[in-house]
Amino acid sequence: MKRLLDCTASDFAEMNGMQLRQAIEASEGRVMLSEVVCASTPLYPGLTNAEYAAAFGADMILLNAFNVDQPNIQGLSADNPKHVITELKTLIGRPVGINLEPVDADADRTETLDTLPKGRTAIRESLEKAKELSVDFVCFTGNPKTGVTNTAILKSIREAKDIFRDDILIFAGKMHGAGVKNKSGDGIVSENVVAEFAQAGADIILLPGVGSVPGTTLAKTETLVQTVHERGALALTAIGTSQEGAARETIQQIALENKMAGADVHHIGDAGEHGIAVPENIMDYSTAIRGKRHTYVRMAASINR
């Protein structure tokens, strides 16, 4: 098994979920994941936001606002909507995942919440359709104003593990409050929560990146990452608070502190530009955690390799 740093498109095409997880773990905190809004008009016409993110150094692509009932990626025409994920993977040569949101109808709200179509929620029917669409991973998290809770995420992990087995990686966690009372800042996550997620079968636990929400200090994040690792899972630190549009120096600081905390995967969000991080920030984050060598190789490698 290769470390993900050395994998090319042909390697990714042959991996199942567990093999992808092994490749991530072997990369020692040098995996870059970029989230893009696939329902938004791309940064520039003619391509998808996923292609721009991949071109600037992302190893993995997470599609936000993807509806499994109406599969569509702006900038990509597919003869059969059911093949849209596989066609995107062919175009970019990287693993592709989707967000599904575990909405909690009983959530104590801090604001008026959005109503999501069921194809974006983490119900069993959506999980089964995600598998049929050949995604490489599914992320259980919440967008702003969705009412996603840790309780609902835990339930979704257990159901997904029953459906996915070892074929699809499970990411789980909150990167901000998602409109839920007392679940922002320090209340987003705890050692008990991450331990429960890992025990339920989550492969990669999502944590707010250092400095991304109030109270996410290096020391606290390091403790959470250690708990994740002790429970046998991997850790992802996320920028989900529009700081993906911050200055280069801010991105570099966040990147290094997340690496110091022990992150296995580094996530950069989708709200720097319209539906994508500022592309240069993807590259700058990547360079901060693994240097120009691995960043440029990822940017330059042909999808025919």
C-alpha atoms as a PDB file:
ATOM      1  CA  MET A   1       0.000   0.000   0.000  1.00  0.00           C
ATOM      2  CA  LYS A   2       1.329   3.449  -0.974  1.00  0.00           C
ATOM      3  CA  ARG A   3       1.036   6.522   1.180  1.00  0.00           C
ATOM      4  CA  LEU A   4      -1.471   8.929  -0.309  1.00  0.00           C
ATOM      5  CA  LEU A   5       1.321  11.402  -1.049  1.00  0.00           C
ATOM      6  CA  ASP A   6       2.642   8.985  -3.670  1.00  0.00           C
ATOM      7  CA  CYS A   7      -0.681   7.894  -5.145  1.00  0.00           C
ATOM      8  CA  THR A   8      -1.800   8.837  -8.626  1.00  0.00           C
ATOM      9  CA  ALA A   9      -5.143   8.560 -10.387  1.00  0.00           C
ATOM     10  CA  SER A  10      -4.710   4.873 -11.221  1.00  0.00           C
ATOM     11  CA  ASP A  11      -3.959   4.096  -7.569  1.00  0.00           C
ATOM     12  CA  PHE A  12      -7.040   5.933  -6.328  1.00  0.00           C
ATOM     13  CA  ALA A  13      -9.222   4.139  -8.886  1.00  0.00           C
ATOM     14  CA  GLU A  14      -8.332   0.763  -7.345  1.00  0.00           C
ATOM     15  CA  MET A  15      -8.842   1.684  -3.670  1.00  0.00           C
ATOM     16  CA  ASN A  16     -11.703   0.816  -1.408  1.00  0.00           C
ATOM     17  CA  GLY A  17     -12.435   2.770   1.755  1.00  0.00           C
ATOM     18  CA  MET A  18     -10.059   0.893   4.033  1.00  0.00           C
ATOM     19  CA  GLN A  19      -7.196   1.133   1.545  1.00  0.00           C
ATOM     20  CA  LEU A  20      -7.775   4.874   1.233  1.00  0.00           C
ATOM     21  CA  ARG A  21      -7.698   5.156   5.013  1.00  0.00           C
ATOM     22  CA  GLN A  22      -4.380   3.302   5.155  1.00  0.00           C
ATOM     23  CA  ALA A  23      -2.931   5.609   2.503  1.00  0.00           C
ATOM     24  CA  ILE A  24      -4.030   8.652   4.525  1.00  0.00           C
ATOM     25  CA  GLU A  25      -2.556   7.290   7.758  1.00  0.00           C
ATOM     26  CA  ALA A  26       0.742   6.532   6.054  1.00  0.00           C
ATOM     27  CA  SER A  27       1.059  10.161   4.922  1.00  0.00           C
ATOM     28  CA  GLU A  28       1.692  11.418   8.475  1.00  0.00           C
ATOM     29  CA  GLY A  29      -0.464  14.517   8.532  1.00  0.00           C
ATOM     30  CA  ARG A  30       0.108  15.635   4.957  1.00  0.00           C
ATOM     31  CA  VAL A  31      -3.261  15.107   3.274  1.00  0.00           C
ATOM     32  CA  MET A  32      -5.145  18.090   1.859  1.00  0.00           C
ATOM     33  CA  LEU A  33      -8.928  17.986   1.431  1.00  0.00           C
ATOM     34  CA  SER A  34     -10.828  20.802  -0.266  1.00  0.00           C
ATOM     35  CA  GLU A  35     -14.577  21.257   0.080  1.00  0.00           C
ATOM     36  CA  VAL A  36     -16.516  22.812  -2.802  1.00  0.00           C
ATOM     37  CA  VAL A  37     -20.179  23.674  -3.308  1.00  0.00           C
ATOM     38  CA  CYS A  38     -21.169  21.603  -6.316  1.00  0.00           C
ATOM     39  CA  ALA A  39     -24.504  23.416  -6.655  1.00  0.00           C
ATOM     40  CA  SER A  40     -22.848  26.821  -7.140  1.00  0.00           C
ATOM     41  CA  THR A  41     -21.769  28.359 -10.425  1.00  0.00           C
ATOM     42  CA  PRO A  42     -18.060  27.519 -10.724  1.00  0.00           C
ATOM     43  CA  LEU A  43     -15.331  30.065 -10.123  1.00  0.00           C
ATOM     44  CA  TYR A  44     -14.902  30.494 -13.884  1.00  0.00           C
ATOM     45  CA  PRO A  45     -17.005  28.994 -16.712  1.00  0.00           C
ATOM     46  CA  GLY A  46     -16.101  25.752 -18.389  1.00  0.00           C
ATOM     47  CA  LEU A  47     -14.853  23.728 -15.407  1.00  0.00           C
ATOM     48  CA  THR A  48     -16.132  22.498 -12.062  1.00  0.00           C
ATOM     49  CA  ASN A  49     -15.014  23.946  -8.739  1.00  0.00           C
ATOM     50  CA  ALA A  50     -13.618  20.500  -7.974  1.00  0.00           C
ATOM     51  CA  GLU A  51     -11.219  20.804 -10.908  1.00  0.00           C
ATOM     52  CA  TYR A  52      -9.949  24.173  -9.706  1.00  0.00           C
ATOM     53  CA  ALA A  53      -9.407  22.827  -6.191  1.00  0.00           C
ATOM     54  CA  ALA A  54      -7.580  19.788  -7.523  1.00  0.00           C
ATOM     55  CA  ALA A  55      -5.387  21.948  -9.734  1.00  0.00           C
ATOM     56  CA  PHE A  56      -4.237  23.944  -6.703  1.00  0.00           C
ATOM     57  CA  GLY A  57      -3.110  20.919  -4.709  1.00  0.00           C
ATOM     58  CA  ALA A  58      -6.104  19.197  -3.087  1.00  0.00           C
ATOM     59  CA  ASP A  59      -5.689  15.433  -2.644  1.00  0.00           C
ATOM     60  CA  MET A  60      -9.366  14.825  -1.939  1.00  0.00           C
ATOM     61  CA  ILE A  61     -12.558  16.642  -2.887  1.00  0.00           C
ATOM     62  CA  LEU A  62     -15.642  16.965  -0.682  1.00  0.00           C
ATOM     63  CA  LEU A  63     -18.835  18.023  -2.454  1.00  0.00           C
ATOM     64  CA  ASN A  64     -21.136  20.225  -0.402  1.00  0.00           C
ATOM     65  CA  ALA A  65     -24.861  20.648  -1.189  1.00  0.00           C
ATOM     66  CA  PHE A  66     -24.890  17.445  -3.267  1.00  0.00           C
ATOM     67  CA  ASN A  67     -28.370  15.945  -3.552  1.00  0.00           C
ATOM     68  CA  VAL A  68     -28.361  12.162  -4.023  1.00  0.00           C
ATOM     69  CA  ASP A  69     -31.934  12.327  -5.346  1.00  0.00           C
ATOM     70  CA  GLN A  70     -30.930  14.816  -8.049  1.00  0.00           C
ATOM     71  CA  PRO A  71     -27.225  14.135  -8.733  1.00  0.00           C
ATOM     72  CA  ASN A  72     -25.706  17.216 -10.316  1.00  0.00           C
ATOM     73  CA  ILE A  73     -22.391  19.059 -10.321  1.00  0.00           C
ATOM     74  CA  GLN A  74     -22.331  22.518 -11.857  1.00  0.00           C
ATOM     75  CA  GLY A  75     -19.882  22.641 -14.747  1.00  0.00           C
ATOM     76  CA  LEU A  76     -20.154  18.930 -15.503  1.00  0.00           C
ATOM     77  CA  SER A  77     -22.548  17.423 -18.017  1.00  0.00           C
ATOM     78  CA  ALA A  78     -23.297  13.743 -17.585  1.00  0.00           C
ATOM     79  CA  ASP A  79     -25.355  11.581 -19.949  1.00  0.00           C
ATOM     80  CA  ASN A  80     -26.655   9.724 -16.912  1.00  0.00           C
ATOM     81  CA  PRO A  81     -26.957  11.644 -13.616  1.00  0.00           C
ATOM     82  CA  LYS A  82     -26.131   8.432 -11.743  1.00  0.00           C
ATOM     83  CA  HIS A  83     -22.630   8.555 -13.254  1.00  0.00           C
ATOM     84  CA  VAL A  84     -21.820  12.149 -12.290  1.00  0.00           C
ATOM     85  CA  ILE A  85     -19.519  11.166  -9.391  1.00  0.00           C
ATOM     86  CA  THR A  86     -17.587   8.623 -11.459  1.00  0.00           C
ATOM     87  CA  GLU A  87     -17.222  11.131 -14.277  1.00  0.00           C
ATOM     88  CA  LEU A  88     -15.838  13.736 -11.880  1.00  0.00           C
ATOM     89  CA  LYS A  89     -13.361  11.206 -10.490  1.00  0.00           C
ATOM     90  CA  THR A  90     -12.248  10.475 -14.055  1.00  0.00           C
ATOM     91  CA  LEU A  91     -11.703  14.199 -14.695  1.00  0.00           C
ATOM     92  CA  ILE A  92      -9.675  14.947 -11.559  1.00  0.00           C
ATOM     93  CA  GLY A  93      -8.122  11.610 -10.623  1.00  0.00           C
ATOM     94  CA  ARG A  94      -8.789  12.130  -6.889  1.00  0.00           C
ATOM     95  CA  PRO A  95     -11.073  10.562  -4.269  1.00  0.00           C
ATOM     96  CA  VAL A  96     -14.476  12.287  -4.116  1.00  0.00           C
ATOM     97  CA  GLY A  97     -16.907  12.399  -1.214  1.00  0.00           C
ATOM     98  CA  ILE A  98     -20.173  14.109  -0.332  1.00  0.00           C
ATOM     99  CA  ASN A  99     -21.720  15.764   2.703  1.00  0.00           C
ATOM    100  CA  LEU A 100     -24.909  14.289   4.117  1.00  0.00           C
ATOM    101  CA  GLU A 101     -26.449  16.159   7.020  1.00  0.00           C
ATOM    102  CA  PRO A 102     -27.840  14.407  10.118  1.00  0.00           C
ATOM    103  CA  VAL A 103     -30.634  16.851  10.866  1.00  0.00           C
ATOM    104  CA  ASP A 104     -32.093  16.616  14.369  1.00  0.00           C
ATOM    105  CA  ALA A 105     -35.775  17.507  14.462  1.00  0.00           C
ATOM    106  CA  ASP A 106     -35.511  18.014  18.233  1.00  0.00           C
ATOM    107  CA  ALA A 107     -32.527  20.370  18.099  1.00  0.00           C
ATOM    108  CA  ASP A 108     -32.665  23.404  20.396  1.00  0.00           C
ATOM    109  CA  ARG A 109     -32.358  26.176  17.826  1.00  0.00           C
ATOM    110  CA  THR A 110     -30.546  29.487  18.065  1.00  0.00           C
ATOM    111  CA  GLU A 111     -31.951  30.778  14.762  1.00  0.00           C
ATOM    112  CA  THR A 112     -34.437  29.963  12.036  1.00  0.00           C
ATOM    113  CA  LEU A 113     -33.238  26.795  10.345  1.00  0.00           C
ATOM    114  CA  ASP A 114     -33.203  25.904   6.668  1.00  0.00           C
ATOM    115  CA  THR A 115     -35.303  23.032   5.382  1.00  0.00           C
ATOM    116  CA  LEU A 116     -33.140  20.589   3.448  1.00  0.00           C
ATOM    117  CA  PRO A 117     -34.290  18.220   0.704  1.00  0.00           C
ATOM    118  CA  LYS A 118     -34.114  14.621   1.889  1.00  0.00           C
ATOM    119  CA  GLY A 119     -31.414  13.885  -0.703  1.00  0.00           C
ATOM    120  CA  ARG A 120     -29.018  16.036   1.304  1.00  0.00           C
ATOM    121  CA  THR A 121     -29.856  14.499   4.661  1.00  0.00           C
ATOM    122  CA  ALA A 122     -28.317  11.423   6.266  1.00  0.00           C
ATOM    123  CA  ILE A 123     -31.367   9.180   6.118  1.00  0.00           C
ATOM    124  CA  ARG A 124     -30.909   5.513   5.235  1.00  0.00           C
ATOM    125  CA  GLU A 125     -32.283   5.978   1.716  1.00  0.00           C
ATOM    126  CA  SER A 126     -29.684   8.671   1.012  1.00  0.00           C
ATOM    127  CA  LEU A 127     -26.871   6.510   2.386  1.00  0.00           C
ATOM    128  CA  GLU A 128     -27.834   3.672   0.082  1.00  0.00           C
ATOM    129  CA  LYS A 129     -27.965   6.014  -2.910  1.00  0.00           C
ATOM    130  CA  ALA A 130     -24.549   7.457  -2.000  1.00  0.00           C
ATOM    131  CA  LYS A 131     -23.127   3.943  -2.197  1.00  0.00           C
ATOM    132  CA  GLU A 132     -24.762   3.381  -5.588  1.00  0.00           C
ATOM    133  CA  LEU A 133     -23.206   6.635  -6.841  1.00  0.00           C
ATOM    134  CA  SER A 134     -19.686   5.285  -6.051  1.00  0.00           C
ATOM    135  CA  VAL A 135     -18.565   7.991  -3.645  1.00  0.00           C
ATOM    136  CA  ASP A 136     -15.277   7.291  -1.867  1.00  0.00           C
ATOM    137  CA  PHE A 137     -16.345   8.812   1.431  1.00  0.00           C
ATOM    138  CA  VAL A 138     -19.338  10.397   3.134  1.00  0.00           C
ATOM    139  CA  CYS A 139     -19.045  13.223   5.646  1.00  0.00           C
ATOM    140  CA  PHE A 140     -21.677  13.643   8.352  1.00  0.00           C
ATOM    141  CA  THR A 141     -21.593  17.300   9.306  1.00  0.00           C
ATOM    142  CA  GLY A 142     -23.815  20.362   9.293  1.00  0.00           C
ATOM    143  CA  ASN A 143     -23.945  23.486   7.202  1.00  0.00           C
ATOM    144  CA  PRO A 144     -25.041  26.712   8.893  1.00  0.00           C
ATOM    145  CA  LYS A 145     -28.697  26.781   9.996  1.00  0.00           C
ATOM    146  CA  THR A 146     -29.335  23.058   9.521  1.00  0.00           C
ATOM    147  CA  GLY A 147     -29.916  21.837  13.082  1.00  0.00           C
ATOM    148  CA  VAL A 148     -27.349  19.057  12.937  1.00  0.00           C
ATOM    149  CA  THR A 149     -26.440  17.667  16.369  1.00  0.00           C
ATOM    150  CA  ASN A 150     -23.829  15.240  17.637  1.00  0.00           C
ATOM    151  CA  THR A 151     -26.629  12.920  18.737  1.00  0.00           C
ATOM    152  CA  ALA A 152     -27.957  12.726  15.183  1.00  0.00           C
ATOM    153  CA  ILE A 153     -24.434  12.303  13.780  1.00  0.00           C
ATOM    154  CA  LEU A 154     -23.834   9.333  16.080  1.00  0.00           C
ATOM    155  CA  LYS A 155     -26.997   7.663  14.838  1.00  0.00           C
ATOM    156  CA  SER A 156     -25.959   8.233  11.211  1.00  0.00           C
ATOM    157  CA  ILE A 157     -22.512   6.732  11.784  1.00  0.00           C
ATOM    158  CA  ARG A 158     -24.009   3.508  13.106  1.00  0.00           C
ATOM    159  CA  GLU A 159     -26.435   3.230  10.205  1.00  0.00           C
ATOM    160  CA  ALA A 160     -23.771   4.043   7.618  1.00  0.00           C
ATOM    161  CA  LYS A 161     -21.372   1.438   8.995  1.00  0.00           C
ATOM    162  CA  ASP A 162     -24.036  -1.192   8.453  1.00  0.00           C
ATOM    163  CA  ILE A 163     -24.455  -0.084   4.829  1.00  0.00           C
ATOM    164  CA  PHE A 164     -20.920   0.872   3.794  1.00  0.00           C
ATOM    165  CA  ARG A 165     -18.853  -1.794   5.580  1.00  0.00           C
ATOM    166  CA  ASP A 166     -15.271  -1.266   4.361  1.00  0.00           C
ATOM    167  CA  ASP A 167     -16.194   0.145   0.958  1.00  0.00           C
ATOM    168  CA  ILE A 168     -16.742   3.801   1.859  1.00  0.00           C
ATOM    169  CA  LEU A 169     -14.960   5.925   4.460  1.00  0.00           C
ATOM    170  CA  ILE A 170     -17.054   7.616   7.136  1.00  0.00           C
ATOM    171  CA  PHE A 171     -16.138  11.163   8.199  1.00  0.00           C
ATOM    172  CA  ALA A 172     -18.106  12.661  11.088  1.00  0.00           C
ATOM    173  CA  GLY A 173     -18.162  15.796  13.223  1.00  0.00           C
ATOM    174  CA  LYS A 174     -19.166  19.432  13.402  1.00  0.00           C
ATOM    175  CA  MET A 175     -17.020  22.365  12.336  1.00  0.00           C
ATOM    176  CA  HIS A 176     -19.373  25.029  13.759  1.00  0.00           C
ATOM    177  CA  GLY A 177     -22.670  25.256  15.642  1.00  0.00           C
ATOM    178  CA  ALA A 178     -25.029  24.624  12.661  1.00  0.00           C
ATOM    179  CA  GLY A 179     -27.722  26.708  14.363  1.00  0.00           C
ATOM    180  CA  VAL A 180     -27.942  24.584  17.528  1.00  0.00           C
ATOM    181  CA  LYS A 181     -28.084  26.209  20.968  1.00  0.00           C
ATOM    182  CA  ASN A 182     -25.116  25.599  23.296  1.00  0.00           C
ATOM    183  CA  LYS A 183     -23.330  23.745  20.507  1.00  0.00           C
ATOM    184  CA  SER A 184     -20.959  26.455  19.353  1.00  0.00           C
ATOM    185  CA  GLY A 185     -17.458  27.390  20.443  1.00  0.00           C
ATOM    186  CA  ASP A 186     -16.332  25.024  23.219  1.00  0.00           C
ATOM    187  CA  GLY A 187     -19.661  23.196  23.035  1.00  0.00           C
ATOM    188  CA  ILE A 188     -19.209  21.816  19.513  1.00  0.00           C
ATOM    189  CA  VAL A 189     -17.176  18.780  20.495  1.00  0.00           C
ATOM    190  CA  SER A 190     -15.753  16.995  23.521  1.00  0.00           C
ATOM    191  CA  GLU A 191     -13.544  14.004  24.275  1.00  0.00           C
ATOM    192  CA  ASN A 192     -16.639  11.931  25.033  1.00  0.00           C
ATOM    193  CA  VAL A 193     -18.226  12.853  21.709  1.00  0.00           C
ATOM    194  CA  VAL A 194     -15.199  11.921  19.607  1.00  0.00           C
ATOM    195  CA  ALA A 195     -14.793   8.676  21.535  1.00  0.00           C
ATOM    196  CA  GLU A 196     -18.423   7.774  20.818  1.00  0.00           C
ATOM    197  CA  PHE A 197     -18.019   8.588  17.118  1.00  0.00           C
ATOM    198  CA  ALA A 198     -14.950   6.365  16.849  1.00  0.00           C
ATOM    199  CA  GLN A 199     -16.574   3.517  18.751  1.00  0.00           C
ATOM    200  CA  ALA A 200     -19.637   3.719  16.487  1.00  0.00           C
ATOM    201  CA  GLY A 201     -17.467   3.205  13.407  1.00  0.00           C
ATOM    202  CA  ALA A 202     -16.370   6.609  12.120  1.00  0.00           C
ATOM    203  CA  ASP A 203     -13.043   6.322  10.317  1.00  0.00           C
ATOM    204  CA  ILE A 204     -12.135  10.000  10.443  1.00  0.00           C
ATOM    205  CA  ILE A 205     -13.378  12.405  13.113  1.00  0.00           C
ATOM    206  CA  LEU A 206     -13.931  15.988  11.995  1.00  0.00           C
ATOM    207  CA  LEU A 207     -12.843  18.695  14.463  1.00  0.00           C
ATOM    208  CA  PRO A 208     -12.917  22.489  14.136  1.00  0.00           C
ATOM    209  CA  GLY A 209      -9.484  23.687  13.046  1.00  0.00           C
ATOM    210  CA  VAL A 210      -7.314  25.572  15.515  1.00  0.00           C
ATOM    211  CA  GLY A 211      -8.506  29.178  15.603  1.00  0.00           C
ATOM    212  CA  SER A 212     -11.525  28.539  13.400  1.00  0.00           C
ATOM    213  CA  VAL A 213     -14.183  28.871  16.120  1.00  0.00           C
ATOM    214  CA  PRO A 214     -14.000  30.496  19.570  1.00  0.00           C
ATOM    215  CA  GLY A 215     -12.104  28.362  22.066  1.00  0.00           C
ATOM    216  CA  THR A 216     -10.391  26.055  19.583  1.00  0.00           C
ATOM    217  CA  THR A 217      -6.883  26.481  20.923  1.00  0.00           C
ATOM    218  CA  LEU A 218      -3.905  24.361  19.952  1.00  0.00           C
ATOM    219  CA  ALA A 219      -3.872  22.672  23.363  1.00  0.00           C
ATOM    220  CA  LYS A 220      -7.564  21.727  23.274  1.00  0.00           C
ATOM    221  CA  THR A 221      -7.399  20.487  19.705  1.00  0.00           C
ATOM    222  CA  GLU A 222      -4.301  18.436  20.460  1.00  0.00           C
ATOM    223  CA  THR A 223      -6.119  16.738  23.342  1.00  0.00           C
ATOM    224  CA  LEU A 224      -9.081  15.909  21.104  1.00  0.00           C
ATOM    225  CA  VAL A 225      -6.821  14.540  18.377  1.00  0.00           C
ATOM    226  CA  GLN A 226      -5.048  12.337  20.915  1.00  0.00           C
ATOM    227  CA  THR A 227      -8.404  10.965  22.026  1.00  0.00           C
ATOM    228  CA  VAL A 228      -9.340  10.236  18.406  1.00  0.00           C
ATOM    229  CA  HIS A 229      -6.076   8.364  17.833  1.00  0.00           C
ATOM    230  CA  GLU A 230      -6.374   6.417  21.077  1.00  0.00           C
ATOM    231  CA  ARG A 231      -9.781   5.189  19.900  1.00  0.00           C
ATOM    232  CA  GLY A 232      -8.305   3.947  16.628  1.00  0.00           C
ATOM    233  CA  ALA A 233      -9.668   6.635  14.293  1.00  0.00           C
ATOM    234  CA  LEU A 234      -8.002   9.393  12.288  1.00  0.00           C
ATOM    235  CA  ALA A 235      -8.517  13.138  12.771  1.00  0.00           C
ATOM    236  CA  LEU A 236      -9.500  15.854  10.323  1.00  0.00           C
ATOM    237  CA  THR A 237      -9.244  19.532  11.240  1.00  0.00           C
ATOM    238  CA  ALA A 238     -11.654  21.765   9.347  1.00  0.00           C
ATOM    239  CA  ILE A 239     -11.876  25.407   8.336  1.00  0.00           C
ATOM    240  CA  GLY A 240     -15.618  25.944   8.033  1.00  0.00           C
ATOM    241  CA  THR A 241     -15.931  29.576   9.093  1.00  0.00           C
ATOM    242  CA  SER A 242     -15.037  31.425   5.864  1.00  0.00           C
ATOM    243  CA  GLN A 243     -11.399  31.799   6.913  1.00  0.00           C
ATOM    244  CA  GLU A 244     -10.634  29.969   3.707  1.00  0.00           C
ATOM    245  CA  GLY A 245     -10.887  33.501   2.351  1.00  0.00           C
ATOM    246  CA  ALA A 246      -8.437  34.952   4.885  1.00  0.00           C
ATOM    247  CA  ALA A 247      -4.939  36.296   4.274  1.00  0.00           C
ATOM    248  CA  ARG A 248      -2.144  33.929   3.303  1.00  0.00           C
ATOM    249  CA  GLU A 249      -0.401  34.364   6.649  1.00  0.00           C
ATOM    250  CA  THR A 250      -3.571  33.382   8.511  1.00  0.00           C
ATOM    251  CA  ILE A 251      -3.935  30.228   6.425  1.00  0.00           C
ATOM    252  CA  GLN A 252      -0.315  29.283   7.060  1.00  0.00           C
ATOM    253  CA  GLN A 253      -0.702  29.791  10.804  1.00  0.00           C
ATOM    254  CA  ILE A 254      -3.853  27.675  10.955  1.00  0.00           C
ATOM    255  CA  ALA A 255      -2.189  24.990   8.849  1.00  0.00           C
ATOM    256  CA  LEU A 256       0.889  24.663  11.031  1.00  0.00           C
ATOM    257  CA  GLU A 257      -1.092  24.660  14.272  1.00  0.00           C
ATOM    258  CA  ASN A 258      -3.438  21.973  12.959  1.00  0.00           C
ATOM    259  CA  LYS A 259      -0.420  19.896  12.020  1.00  0.00           C
ATOM    260  CA  MET A 260       1.098  20.463  15.460  1.00  0.00           C
ATOM    261  CA  ALA A 261      -2.185  19.287  16.959  1.00  0.00           C
ATOM    262  CA  GLY A 262      -1.777  16.000  15.069  1.00  0.00           C
ATOM    263  CA  ALA A 263      -4.297  16.248  12.212  1.00  0.00           C
ATOM    264  CA  ASP A 264      -4.186  13.405   9.690  1.00  0.00           C
ATOM    265  CA  VAL A 265      -6.316  15.278   7.132  1.00  0.00           C
ATOM    266  CA  HIS A 266      -6.465  19.043   6.631  1.00  0.00           C
ATOM    267  CA  HIS A 267      -9.774  20.435   5.387  1.00  0.00           C
ATOM    268  CA  ILE A 268     -10.268  23.844   3.795  1.00  0.00           C
ATOM    269  CA  GLY A 269     -13.808  25.101   3.284  1.00  0.00           C
ATOM    270  CA  ASP A 270     -15.879  26.373   0.390  1.00  0.00           C
ATOM    271  CA  ALA A 271     -16.606  30.009   1.231  1.00  0.00           C
ATOM    272  CA  GLY A 272     -13.457  31.874   0.253  1.00  0.00           C
ATOM    273  CA  GLU A 273     -14.704  32.561  -3.253  1.00  0.00           C
ATOM    274  CA  HIS A 274     -18.144  31.498  -4.538  1.00  0.00           C
ATOM    275  CA  GLY A 275     -18.372  27.831  -3.572  1.00  0.00           C
ATOM    276  CA  ILE A 276     -14.628  27.260  -3.224  1.00  0.00           C
ATOM    277  CA  ALA A 277     -11.721  28.391  -1.065  1.00  0.00           C
ATOM    278  CA  VAL A 278      -9.492  31.094  -2.500  1.00  0.00           C
ATOM    279  CA  PRO A 279      -7.488  28.764  -4.789  1.00  0.00           C
ATOM    280  CA  GLU A 280      -4.147  30.227  -3.741  1.00  0.00           C
ATOM    281  CA  ASN A 281      -5.052  29.434  -0.125  1.00  0.00           C
ATOM    282  CA  ILE A 282      -5.417  25.751  -0.986  1.00  0.00           C
ATOM    283  CA  MET A 283      -1.897  25.823  -2.364  1.00  0.00           C
ATOM    284  CA  ASP A 284      -0.514  27.870   0.544  1.00  0.00           C
ATOM    285  CA  TYR A 285      -2.083  25.549   3.108  1.00  0.00           C
ATOM    286  CA  SER A 286      -0.689  22.540   1.262  1.00  0.00           C
ATOM    287  CA  THR A 287       2.779  24.066   1.059  1.00  0.00           C
ATOM    288  CA  ALA A 288       2.726  24.844   4.794  1.00  0.00           C
ATOM    289  CA  ILE A 289       2.033  21.241   5.812  1.00  0.00           C
ATOM    290  CA  ARG A 290       4.162  19.401   3.218  1.00  0.00           C
ATOM    291  CA  GLY A 291       6.313  21.816   1.249  1.00  0.00           C
ATOM    292  CA  LYS A 292       6.525  22.628  -2.445  1.00  0.00           C
ATOM    293  CA  ARG A 293       7.693  19.132  -3.365  1.00  0.00           C
ATOM    294  CA  HIS A 294       4.492  17.299  -2.547  1.00  0.00           C
ATOM    295  CA  THR A 295       2.280  20.267  -3.401  1.00  0.00           C
ATOM    296  CA  TYR A 296       3.701  20.723  -6.875  1.00  0.00           C
ATOM    297  CA  VAL A 297       3.675  16.973  -7.581  1.00  0.00           C
ATOM    298  CA  ARG A 298      -0.026  16.830  -6.708  1.00  0.00           C
ATOM    299  CA  MET A 299      -0.734  19.893  -8.831  1.00  0.00           C
ATOM    300  CA  ALA A 300       1.240  18.651 -11.832  1.00  0.00           C
ATOM    301  CA  ALA A 301       0.586  14.898 -11.905  1.00  0.00           C
ATOM    302  CA  SER A 302      -1.347  13.763 -14.962  1.00  0.00           C
ATOM    303  CA  ILE A 303      -4.688  11.998 -14.480  1.00  0.00           C
ATOM    304  CA  ASN A 304      -3.329   9.398 -16.966  1.00  0.00           C
ATOM    305  CA  ARG A 305      -0.696   8.186 -14.501  1.00  0.00           C
END
